[in-house]
PDB file of N, CA and C in Angstrom:
ATOM      1  N   MET A   1      89.092  79.820 109.659  1.00  0.00           N
ATOM      2  CA  MET A   1      88.986  81.125 110.456  1.00  0.00           C
ATOM      3  C   MET A   1      88.915  80.999 111.734  1.00  0.00           C
ATOM      4  N   ARG A   2      89.498  82.310 112.381  1.00  0.00           N
ATOM      5  CA  ARG A   2      89.516  82.211 113.681  1.00  0.00           C
ATOM      6  C   ARG A   2      88.920  83.849 114.041  1.00  0.00           C
ATOM      7  N   THR A   3      88.282  83.706 115.369  1.00  0.00           N
ATOM      8  CA  THR A   3      87.503  84.976 115.713  1.00  0.00           C
ATOM      9  C   THR A   3      88.224  85.716 116.785  1.00  0.00           C
ATOM     10  N   LEU A   4      88.334  86.975 116.699  1.00  0.00           N
ATOM     11  CA  LEU A   4      88.758  87.814 117.714  1.00  0.00           C
ATOM     12  C   LEU A   4      87.911  88.510 118.219  1.00  0.00           C
ATOM     13  N   THR A   5      87.463  88.768 119.486  1.00  0.00           N
ATOM     14  CA  THR A   5      86.446  89.316 119.942  1.00  0.00           C
ATOM     15  C   THR A   5      87.317  90.455 121.207  1.00  0.00           C
ATOM     16  N   ALA A   6      86.464  91.569 121.332  1.00  0.00           N
ATOM     17  CA  ALA A   6      87.332  92.425 122.380  1.00  0.00           C
ATOM     18  C   ALA A   6      85.954  93.415 122.822  1.00  0.00           C
ATOM     19  N   THR A   7      86.279  93.677 124.214  1.00  0.00           N
ATOM     20  CA  THR A   7      85.407  94.415 124.734  1.00  0.00           C
ATOM     21  C   THR A   7      85.448  96.107 124.095  1.00  0.00           C
ATOM     22  N   GLN A   8      84.631  96.775 124.167  1.00  0.00           N
ATOM     23  CA  GLN A   8      84.644  98.210 124.020  1.00  0.00           C
ATOM     24  C   GLN A   8      85.729  98.933 124.804  1.00  0.00           C
ATOM     25  N   VAL A   9      85.401  98.631 125.851  1.00  0.00           N
ATOM     26  CA  VAL A   9      86.539  99.050 127.228  1.00  0.00           C
ATOM     27  C   VAL A   9      88.217  98.837 126.666  1.00  0.00           C
ATOM     28  N   GLU A  10      88.090  97.398 126.307  1.00  0.00           N
ATOM     29  CA  GLU A  10      89.673  97.044 126.189  1.00  0.00           C
ATOM     30  C   GLU A  10      89.864  97.632 124.709  1.00  0.00           C
ATOM     31  N   ARG A  11      89.231  97.774 123.686  1.00  0.00           N
ATOM     32  CA  ARG A  11      89.422  98.209 122.476  1.00  0.00           C
ATOM     33  C   ARG A  11      88.418  98.987 121.644  1.00  0.00           C
ATOM     34  N   THR A  12      88.953 100.125 121.437  1.00  0.00           N
ATOM     35  CA  THR A  12      88.043 101.212 120.672  1.00  0.00           C
ATOM     36  C   THR A  12      88.080 101.159 119.378  1.00  0.00           C
ATOM     37  N   ASP A  13      89.265 100.572 118.572  1.00  0.00           N
ATOM     38  CA  ASP A  13      88.937 100.788 117.162  1.00  0.00           C
ATOM     39  C   ASP A  13      88.078  99.853 116.661  1.00  0.00           C
ATOM     40  N   ILE A  14      87.186 100.194 115.681  1.00  0.00           N
ATOM     41  CA  ILE A  14      86.147  99.294 114.820  1.00  0.00           C
ATOM     42  C   ILE A  14      86.676  99.593 113.349  1.00  0.00           C
ATOM     43  N   PRO A  15      87.015  98.566 112.851  1.00  0.00           N
ATOM     44  CA  PRO A  15      86.889  97.509 113.116  1.00  0.00           C
ATOM     45  C   PRO A  15      87.942  96.820 113.903  1.00  0.00           C
ATOM     46  N   PRO A  16      87.606  95.719 114.873  1.00  0.00           N
ATOM     47  CA  PRO A  16      88.949  95.139 115.644  1.00  0.00           C
ATOM     48  C   PRO A  16      90.150  94.934 114.750  1.00  0.00           C
ATOM     49  N   MET A  17      91.317  95.398 115.339  1.00  0.00           N
ATOM     50  CA  MET A  17      92.386  95.142 114.586  1.00  0.00           C
ATOM     51  C   MET A  17      93.088  93.818 114.793  1.00  0.00           C
ATOM     52  N   VAL A  18      93.439  93.206 113.706  1.00  0.00           N
ATOM     53  CA  VAL A  18      94.091  92.114 113.807  1.00  0.00           C
ATOM     54  C   VAL A  18      95.661  92.109 113.377  1.00  0.00           C
ATOM     55  N   ASP A  19      96.309  91.401 113.352  1.00  0.00           N
ATOM     56  CA  ASP A  19      97.696  91.320 112.695  1.00  0.00           C
ATOM     57  C   ASP A  19      97.778  91.714 111.484  1.00  0.00           C
ATOM     58  N   ALA A  20      98.648  92.556 111.283  1.00  0.00           N
ATOM     59  CA  ALA A  20      98.865  93.295 109.987  1.00  0.00           C
ATOM     60  C   ALA A  20      98.887  92.289 108.757  1.00  0.00           C
ATOM     61  N   ASP A  21      99.635  91.087 108.998  1.00  0.00           N
ATOM     62  CA  ASP A  21      99.829  90.137 108.202  1.00  0.00           C
ATOM     63  C   ASP A  21      98.909  89.022 108.228  1.00  0.00           C
ATOM     64  N   SER A  22      97.460  89.362 108.642  1.00  0.00           N
ATOM     65  CA  SER A  22      96.530  88.362 108.679  1.00  0.00           C
ATOM     66  C   SER A  22      95.303  88.971 107.689  1.00  0.00           C
ATOM     67  N   VAL A  23      94.448  87.978 107.172  1.00  0.00           N
ATOM     68  CA  VAL A  23      93.446  88.639 106.351  1.00  0.00           C
ATOM     69  C   VAL A  23      92.149  88.673 107.014  1.00  0.00           C
ATOM     70  N   ARG A  24      91.646  89.856 107.264  1.00  0.00           N
ATOM     71  CA  ARG A  24      90.140  90.071 108.018  1.00  0.00           C
ATOM     72  C   ARG A  24      88.980  89.517 106.888  1.00  0.00           C
ATOM     73  N   MET A  25      88.308  88.679 107.446  1.00  0.00           N
ATOM     74  CA  MET A  25      87.133  88.315 106.437  1.00  0.00           C
ATOM     75  C   MET A  25      85.747  89.163 106.752  1.00  0.00           C
ATOM     76  N   ASP A  26      85.543  89.232 108.122  1.00  0.00           N
ATOM     77  CA  ASP A  26      84.250  89.913 108.487  1.00  0.00           C
ATOM     78  C   ASP A  26      84.527  90.547 109.716  1.00  0.00           C
ATOM     79  N   TRP A  27      83.318  91.341 110.078  1.00  0.00           N
ATOM     80  CA  TRP A  27      83.653  92.048 111.421  1.00  0.00           C
ATOM     81  C   TRP A  27      82.479  92.638 111.829  1.00  0.00           C
ATOM     82  N   GLY A  28      82.076  93.008 112.976  1.00  0.00           N
ATOM     83  CA  GLY A  28      80.850  93.526 113.413  1.00  0.00           C
ATOM     84  C   GLY A  28      80.823  93.823 114.914  1.00  0.00           C
ATOM     85  N   GLN A  29      79.713  93.775 115.430  1.00  0.00           N
ATOM     86  CA  GLN A  29      79.502  94.277 117.033  1.00  0.00           C
ATOM     87  C   GLN A  29      78.876  92.917 117.838  1.00  0.00           C
ATOM     88  N   ILE A  30      78.908  93.053 118.998  1.00  0.00           N
ATOM     89  CA  ILE A  30      78.477  92.043 119.922  1.00  0.00           C
ATOM     90  C   ILE A  30      77.406  92.968 121.107  1.00  0.00           C
ATOM     91  N   THR A  31      76.450  92.123 121.004  1.00  0.00           N
ATOM     92  CA  THR A  31      75.152  92.876 121.966  1.00  0.00           C
ATOM     93  C   THR A  31      75.370  92.217 123.227  1.00  0.00           C
ATOM     94  N   ALA A  32      74.450  92.945 124.002  1.00  0.00           N
ATOM     95  CA  ALA A  32      74.842  92.631 125.575  1.00  0.00           C
ATOM     96  C   ALA A  32      74.152  91.047 125.900  1.00  0.00           C
ATOM     97  N   THR A  33      73.280  90.523 124.713  1.00  0.00           N
ATOM     98  CA  THR A  33      73.380  89.444 124.972  1.00  0.00           C
ATOM     99  C   THR A  33      73.986  88.333 124.375  1.00  0.00           C
ATOM    100  N   GLY A  34      75.233  88.496 123.968  1.00  0.00           N
ATOM    101  CA  GLY A  34      76.304  87.993 123.321  1.00  0.00           C
ATOM    102  C   GLY A  34      76.089  87.869 121.619  1.00  0.00           C
ATOM    103  N   ARG A  35      75.056  87.883 121.161  1.00  0.00           N
ATOM    104  CA  ARG A  35      74.721  87.675 119.949  1.00  0.00           C
ATOM    105  C   ARG A  35      75.766  88.620 119.104  1.00  0.00           C
ATOM    106  N   GLN A  36      76.449  88.020 117.756  1.00  0.00           N
ATOM    107  CA  GLN A  36      76.956  88.679 116.908  1.00  0.00           C
ATOM    108  C   GLN A  36      76.327  89.373 115.762  1.00  0.00           C
ATOM    109  N   VAL A  37      76.677  90.631 115.702  1.00  0.00           N
ATOM    110  CA  VAL A  37      75.751  91.395 114.633  1.00  0.00           C
ATOM    111  C   VAL A  37      76.601  91.803 113.569  1.00  0.00           C
ATOM    112  N   PRO A  38      76.274  92.440 112.505  1.00  0.00           N
ATOM    113  CA  PRO A  38      76.880  93.102 111.584  1.00  0.00           C
ATOM    114  C   PRO A  38      77.631  94.550 112.086  1.00  0.00           C
ATOM    115  N   ALA A  39      78.112  95.062 111.431  1.00  0.00           N
ATOM    116  CA  ALA A  39      78.903  96.101 111.907  1.00  0.00           C
ATOM    117  C   ALA A  39      78.013  97.328 111.697  1.00  0.00           C
ATOM    118  N   ASP A  40      76.728  97.293 110.949  1.00  0.00           N
ATOM    119  CA  ASP A  40      75.955  98.192 110.414  1.00  0.00           C
ATOM    120  C   ASP A  40      74.767  98.053 111.061  1.00  0.00           C
ATOM    121  N   TYR A  41      74.493  97.043 112.048  1.00  0.00           N
ATOM    122  CA  TYR A  41      73.124  96.756 112.533  1.00  0.00           C
ATOM    123  C   TYR A  41      72.300  97.607 113.211  1.00  0.00           C
ATOM    124  N   CYS A  42      72.986  98.628 113.691  1.00  0.00           N
ATOM    125  CA  CYS A  42      72.383  99.956 114.506  1.00  0.00           C
ATOM    126  C   CYS A  42      71.751 100.659 113.210  1.00  0.00           C
ATOM    127  N   THR A  43      72.620 101.058 112.455  1.00  0.00           N
ATOM    128  CA  THR A  43      72.228 101.834 111.292  1.00  0.00           C
ATOM    129  C   THR A  43      71.046 101.225 110.372  1.00  0.00           C
ATOM    130  N   GLN A  44      71.198  99.611 110.413  1.00  0.00           N
ATOM    131  CA  GLN A  44      69.958  99.288 109.455  1.00  0.00           C
ATOM    132  C   GLN A  44      68.911  99.493 110.202  1.00  0.00           C
ATOM    133  N   GLN A  45      68.880  99.471 111.660  1.00  0.00           N
ATOM    134  CA  GLN A  45      67.497  99.031 112.354  1.00  0.00           C
ATOM    135  C   GLN A  45      66.658 100.441 112.733  1.00  0.00           C
ATOM    136  N   THR A  46      67.472 101.490 112.868  1.00  0.00           N
ATOM    137  CA  THR A  46      67.055 102.932 112.940  1.00  0.00           C
ATOM    138  C   THR A  46      67.283 104.137 111.911  1.00  0.00           C
ATOM    139  N   GLY A  47      68.152 103.559 110.980  1.00  0.00           N
ATOM    140  CA  GLY A  47      68.427 104.521 109.795  1.00  0.00           C
ATOM    141  C   GLY A  47      69.290 105.742 110.474  1.00  0.00           C
ATOM    142  N   ASN A  48      69.422 105.663 111.782  1.00  0.00           N
ATOM    143  CA  ASN A  48      70.437 106.789 112.193  1.00  0.00           C
ATOM    144  C   ASN A  48      71.891 106.247 112.566  1.00  0.00           C
ATOM    145  N   PRO A  49      72.979 106.700 111.863  1.00  0.00           N
ATOM    146  CA  PRO A  49      74.364 106.126 112.441  1.00  0.00           C
ATOM    147  C   PRO A  49      74.661 106.185 113.720  1.00  0.00           C
ATOM    148  N   GLY A  50      75.077 105.225 114.365  1.00  0.00           N
ATOM    149  CA  GLY A  50      75.471 105.498 115.653  1.00  0.00           C
ATOM    150  C   GLY A  50      74.466 105.372 116.799  1.00  0.00           C
ATOM    151  N   GLU A  51      73.212 104.968 116.358  1.00  0.00           N
ATOM    152  CA  GLU A  51      72.045 105.000 117.211  1.00  0.00           C
ATOM    153  C   GLU A  51      71.449 103.684 117.218  1.00  0.00           C
ATOM    154  N   CYS A  52      71.557 102.785 118.334  1.00  0.00           N
ATOM    155  CA  CYS A  52      70.915 101.618 118.286  1.00  0.00           C
ATOM    156  C   CYS A  52      69.458 101.596 118.675  1.00  0.00           C
ATOM    157  N   PRO A  53      68.433 100.518 118.483  1.00  0.00           N
ATOM    158  CA  PRO A  53      67.059 100.436 118.585  1.00  0.00           C
ATOM    159  C   PRO A  53      66.844 100.428 120.334  1.00  0.00           C
ATOM    160  N   PRO A  54      65.755 100.565 120.845  1.00  0.00           N
ATOM    161  CA  PRO A  54      65.432 100.417 122.152  1.00  0.00           C
ATOM    162  C   PRO A  54      65.993  98.945 122.747  1.00  0.00           C
ATOM    163  N   GLY A  55      66.498  98.621 123.712  1.00  0.00           N
ATOM    164  CA  GLY A  55      66.900  97.157 123.920  1.00  0.00           C
ATOM    165  C   GLY A  55      67.806  96.424 123.592  1.00  0.00           C
ATOM    166  N   VAL A  56      68.722  97.161 122.723  1.00  0.00           N
ATOM    167  CA  VAL A  56      69.870  96.877 122.198  1.00  0.00           C
ATOM    168  C   VAL A  56      71.016  97.534 122.408  1.00  0.00           C
ATOM    169  N   ARG A  57      71.933  97.067 122.888  1.00  0.00           N
ATOM    170  CA  ARG A  57      73.212  97.705 123.994  1.00  0.00           C
ATOM    171  C   ARG A  57      74.340  96.984 123.162  1.00  0.00           C
ATOM    172  N   ILE A  58      75.097  97.722 122.582  1.00  0.00           N
ATOM    173  CA  ILE A  58      76.535  97.217 121.915  1.00  0.00           C
ATOM    174  C   ILE A  58      77.381  96.869 123.067  1.00  0.00           C
ATOM    175  N   THR A  59      77.980  95.910 123.544  1.00  0.00           N
ATOM    176  CA  THR A  59      79.003  95.681 124.440  1.00  0.00           C
ATOM    177  C   THR A  59      80.498  95.375 123.928  1.00  0.00           C
ATOM    178  N   GLY A  60      80.625  94.889 122.773  1.00  0.00           N
ATOM    179  CA  GLY A  60      82.046  94.357 121.910  1.00  0.00           C
ATOM    180  C   GLY A  60      81.882  94.535 120.590  1.00  0.00           C
ATOM    181  N   VAL A  61      83.134  94.034 120.103  1.00  0.00           N
ATOM    182  CA  VAL A  61      83.262  94.100 118.680  1.00  0.00           C
ATOM    183  C   VAL A  61      84.124  92.564 118.430  1.00  0.00           C
ATOM    184  N   TRP A  62      83.705  91.999 116.989  1.00  0.00           N
ATOM    185  CA  TRP A  62      84.351  90.885 116.725  1.00  0.00           C
ATOM    186  C   TRP A  62      85.172  91.034 115.552  1.00  0.00           C
ATOM    187  N   ALA A  63      85.917  90.150 114.935  1.00  0.00           N
ATOM    188  CA  ALA A  63      86.465  90.038 113.723  1.00  0.00           C
ATOM    189  C   ALA A  63      86.671  88.718 113.345  1.00  0.00           C
ATOM    190  N   GLU A  64      86.364  87.959 112.230  1.00  0.00           N
ATOM    191  CA  GLU A  64      86.930  86.837 111.691  1.00  0.00           C
ATOM    192  C   GLU A  64      88.227  86.819 110.575  1.00  0.00           C
ATOM    193  N   TYR A  65      88.815  86.299 111.087  1.00  0.00           N
ATOM    194  CA  TYR A  65      90.174  86.411 109.990  1.00  0.00           C
ATOM    195  C   TYR A  65      90.884  85.026 109.844  1.00  0.00           C
ATOM    196  N   HIS A  66      91.992  84.925 108.808  1.00  0.00           N
ATOM    197  CA  HIS A  66      92.711  84.046 108.562  1.00  0.00           C
ATOM    198  C   HIS A  66      94.194  84.782 109.212  1.00  0.00           C
ATOM    199  N   PRO A  67      94.867  83.750 109.965  1.00  0.00           N
ATOM    200  CA  PRO A  67      96.139  84.041 110.092  1.00  0.00           C
ATOM    201  C   PRO A  67      96.966  84.051 109.253  1.00  0.00           C
ATOM    202  N   ARG A  68      98.464  84.256 109.456  1.00  0.00           N
ATOM    203  CA  ARG A  68      99.569  84.256 108.415  1.00  0.00           C
ATOM    204  C   ARG A  68      99.592  83.036 108.126  1.00  0.00           C
ATOM    205  N   ALA A  69      99.419  82.140 109.185  1.00  0.00           N
ATOM    206  CA  ALA A  69      99.909  80.790 109.065  1.00  0.00           C
ATOM    207  C   ALA A  69      99.007  80.015 107.969  1.00  0.00           C
ATOM    208  N   HIS A  70      97.700  80.378 107.769  1.00  0.00           N
ATOM    209  CA  HIS A  70      96.909  79.677 106.719  1.00  0.00           C
ATOM    210  C   HIS A  70      96.781  80.385 105.125  1.00  0.00           C
ATOM    211  N   PHE A  71      97.834  81.508 105.187  1.00  0.00           N
ATOM    212  CA  PHE A  71      98.067  82.019 103.844  1.00  0.00           C
ATOM    213  C   PHE A  71      98.276  80.330 102.735  1.00  0.00           C
ATOM    214  N   TRP A  72      99.334  79.754 102.816  1.00  0.00           N
ATOM    215  CA  TRP A  72      99.702  78.959 101.575  1.00  0.00           C
ATOM    216  C   TRP A  72      98.381  77.704 101.478  1.00  0.00           C
ATOM    217  N   TYR A  73      97.604  77.443 102.660  1.00  0.00           N
ATOM    218  CA  TYR A  73      96.749  76.554 102.686  1.00  0.00           C
ATOM    219  C   TYR A  73      95.603  77.072 101.962  1.00  0.00           C
ATOM    220  N   VAL A  74      95.291  78.428 101.934  1.00  0.00           N
ATOM    221  CA  VAL A  74      94.187  78.931 101.375  1.00  0.00           C
ATOM    222  C   VAL A  74      94.512  79.261  99.706  1.00  0.00           C
ATOM    223  N   GLN A  75      95.846  79.934  99.622  1.00  0.00           N
ATOM    224  CA  GLN A  75      96.337  79.893  98.470  1.00  0.00           C
ATOM    225  C   GLN A  75      96.396  78.851  97.561  1.00  0.00           C
ATOM    226  N   LEU A  76      96.667  77.580  98.048  1.00  0.00           N
ATOM    227  CA  LEU A  76      96.937  76.300  97.255  1.00  0.00           C
ATOM    228  C   LEU A  76      95.284  75.662  97.002  1.00  0.00           C
ATOM    229  N   THR A  77      94.285  76.040  98.160  1.00  0.00           N
ATOM    230  CA  THR A  77      92.987  75.669  97.602  1.00  0.00           C
ATOM    231  C   THR A  77      92.466  76.491  96.583  1.00  0.00           C
ATOM    232  N   GLU A  78      92.697  77.866  96.740  1.00  0.00           N
ATOM    233  CA  GLU A  78      91.693  78.665  95.525  1.00  0.00           C
ATOM    234  C   GLU A  78      92.741  78.302  94.344  1.00  0.00           C
ATOM    235  N   SER A  79      93.845  77.985  94.242  1.00  0.00           N
ATOM    236  CA  SER A  79      94.640  77.722  92.700  1.00  0.00           C
ATOM    237  C   SER A  79      94.179  76.232  92.444  1.00  0.00           C
ATOM    238  N   LEU A  80      94.180  75.267  93.063  1.00  0.00           N
ATOM    239  CA  LEU A  80      93.590  73.886  92.780  1.00  0.00           C
ATOM    240  C   LEU A  80      91.962  74.376  92.176  1.00  0.00           C
ATOM    241  N   LEU A  81      91.448  74.878  92.828  1.00  0.00           N
ATOM    242  CA  LEU A  81      89.380  74.996  92.452  1.00  0.00           C
ATOM    243  C   LEU A  81      89.795  75.798  90.750  1.00  0.00           C
ATOM    244  N   VAL A  82      90.620  76.940  90.732  1.00  0.00           N
ATOM    245  CA  VAL A  82      90.762  77.578  89.516  1.00  0.00           C
ATOM    246  C   VAL A  82      91.307  76.388  88.460  1.00  0.00           C
ATOM    247  N   LEU A  83      92.314  75.887  88.708  1.00  0.00           N
ATOM    248  CA  LEU A  83      92.689  74.870  87.505  1.00  0.00           C
ATOM    249  C   LEU A  83      91.898  73.629  87.343  1.00  0.00           C
ATOM    250  N   ALA A  84      90.873  73.453  88.236  1.00  0.00           N
ATOM    251  CA  ALA A  84      90.111  72.220  87.873  1.00  0.00           C
ATOM    252  C   ALA A  84      88.800  72.979  87.253  1.00  0.00           C
ATOM    253  N   LEU A  85      88.253  74.102  87.516  1.00  0.00           N
ATOM    254  CA  LEU A  85      87.511  74.634  86.594  1.00  0.00           C
ATOM    255  C   LEU A  85      87.890  74.740  85.136  1.00  0.00           C
ATOM    256  N   ALA A  86      89.182  75.295  85.296  1.00  0.00           N
ATOM    257  CA  ALA A  86      89.755  75.639  83.807  1.00  0.00           C
ATOM    258  C   ALA A  86      89.730  74.069  83.028  1.00  0.00           C
ATOM    259  N   ALA A  87      90.377  73.248  83.672  1.00  0.00           N
ATOM    260  CA  ALA A  87      90.389  71.728  83.158  1.00  0.00           C
ATOM    261  C   ALA A  87      88.880  71.040  82.295  1.00  0.00           C
ATOM    262  N   VAL A  88      87.795  71.598  83.095  1.00  0.00           N
ATOM    263  CA  VAL A  88      86.461  71.077  82.858  1.00  0.00           C
ATOM    264  C   VAL A  88      86.162  72.279  81.940  1.00  0.00           C
ATOM    265  N   LEU A  89      86.442  73.367  81.793  1.00  0.00           N
ATOM    266  CA  LEU A  89      86.198  74.247  80.647  1.00  0.00           C
ATOM    267  C   LEU A  89      86.791  73.728  79.186  1.00  0.00           C
ATOM    268  N   VAL A  90      87.882  73.306  79.483  1.00  0.00           N
ATOM    269  CA  VAL A  90      88.633  72.830  78.083  1.00  0.00           C
ATOM    270  C   VAL A  90      87.795  71.443  77.691  1.00  0.00           C
ATOM    271  N   TRP A  91      87.857  70.460  78.632  1.00  0.00           N
ATOM    272  CA  TRP A  91      87.086  69.379  78.536  1.00  0.00           C
ATOM    273  C   TRP A  91      85.814  69.717  77.206  1.00  0.00           C
ATOM    274  N   ALA A  92      84.833  70.517  78.215  1.00  0.00           N
ATOM    275  CA  ALA A  92      83.795  70.496  77.574  1.00  0.00           C
ATOM    276  C   ALA A  92      83.950  71.626  76.285  1.00  0.00           C
ATOM    277  N   ALA A  93      85.133  72.367  76.070  1.00  0.00           N
ATOM    278  CA  ALA A  93      85.191  73.123  74.840  1.00  0.00           C
ATOM    279  C   ALA A  93      85.614  71.902  73.726  1.00  0.00           C
ATOM    280  N   TYR A  94      86.635  71.329  74.082  1.00  0.00           N
ATOM    281  CA  TYR A  94      86.971  69.984  73.111  1.00  0.00           C
ATOM    282  C   TYR A  94      85.687  69.257  72.607  1.00  0.00           C
ATOM    283  N   ARG A  95      84.630  68.950  73.732  1.00  0.00           N
ATOM    284  CA  ARG A  95      83.800  68.162  73.193  1.00  0.00           C
ATOM    285  C   ARG A  95      82.703  68.825  72.109  1.00  0.00           C
ATOM    286  N   VAL A  96      82.527  70.063  72.700  1.00  0.00           N
ATOM    287  CA  VAL A  96      81.630  70.799  71.739  1.00  0.00           C
ATOM    288  C   VAL A  96      82.176  70.850  70.045  1.00  0.00           C
ATOM    289  N   LEU A  97      83.735  70.987  70.205  1.00  0.00           N
ATOM    290  CA  LEU A  97      84.469  71.036  68.983  1.00  0.00           C
ATOM    291  C   LEU A  97      83.912  69.835  68.102  1.00  0.00           C
ATOM    292  N   ARG A  98      84.460  68.724  69.039  1.00  0.00           N
ATOM    293  CA  ARG A  98      84.185  67.676  68.309  1.00  0.00           C
ATOM    294  C   ARG A  98      83.093  66.993  67.510  1.00  0.00           C
ATOM    295  N   HIS A  99      82.036  67.684  68.443  1.00  0.00           N
ATOM    296  CA  HIS A  99      80.300  67.406  68.233  1.00  0.00           C
ATOM    297  C   HIS A  99      79.984  68.222  66.866  1.00  0.00           C
ATOM    298  N   ARG A 100      80.536  69.594  66.533  1.00  0.00           N
ATOM    299  CA  ARG A 100      80.430  70.278  65.594  1.00  0.00           C
ATOM    300  C   ARG A 100      81.150  69.984  64.370  1.00  0.00           C
ATOM    301  N   THR A 101      82.432  69.527  64.383  1.00  0.00           N
ATOM    302  CA  THR A 101      83.183  69.125  63.300  1.00  0.00           C
ATOM    303  C   THR A 101      82.880  67.737  62.792  1.00  0.00           C
ATOM    304  N   GLY A 102      82.380  67.074  63.839  1.00  0.00           N
ATOM    305  CA  GLY A 102      81.886  65.591  63.615  1.00  0.00           C
ATOM    306  C   GLY A 102      82.511  64.749  62.659  1.00  0.00           C
TER     307      GLY A 102
END
């Protein structure tokens, strides 16, 4: 994954926009101390949308994403995991069937 950051002066869109053909995995805000917090951090802390607790100042936004070039690597990895799980389940089903029909 890659991380894109932007100050709110540079970019006002929340969540930060990545390329249209990329897959955004997570996004949030950056505090004045540089800490990356979830997008709804201030709302969770105060209970009021758009209001941050005292001492917390939001200075930017961040997004984690997979660029277009990662598509086939991610697709093949997920496919291999699903096929491996299916093979284990088929093997287990045959073991149970053999045990019951003895």
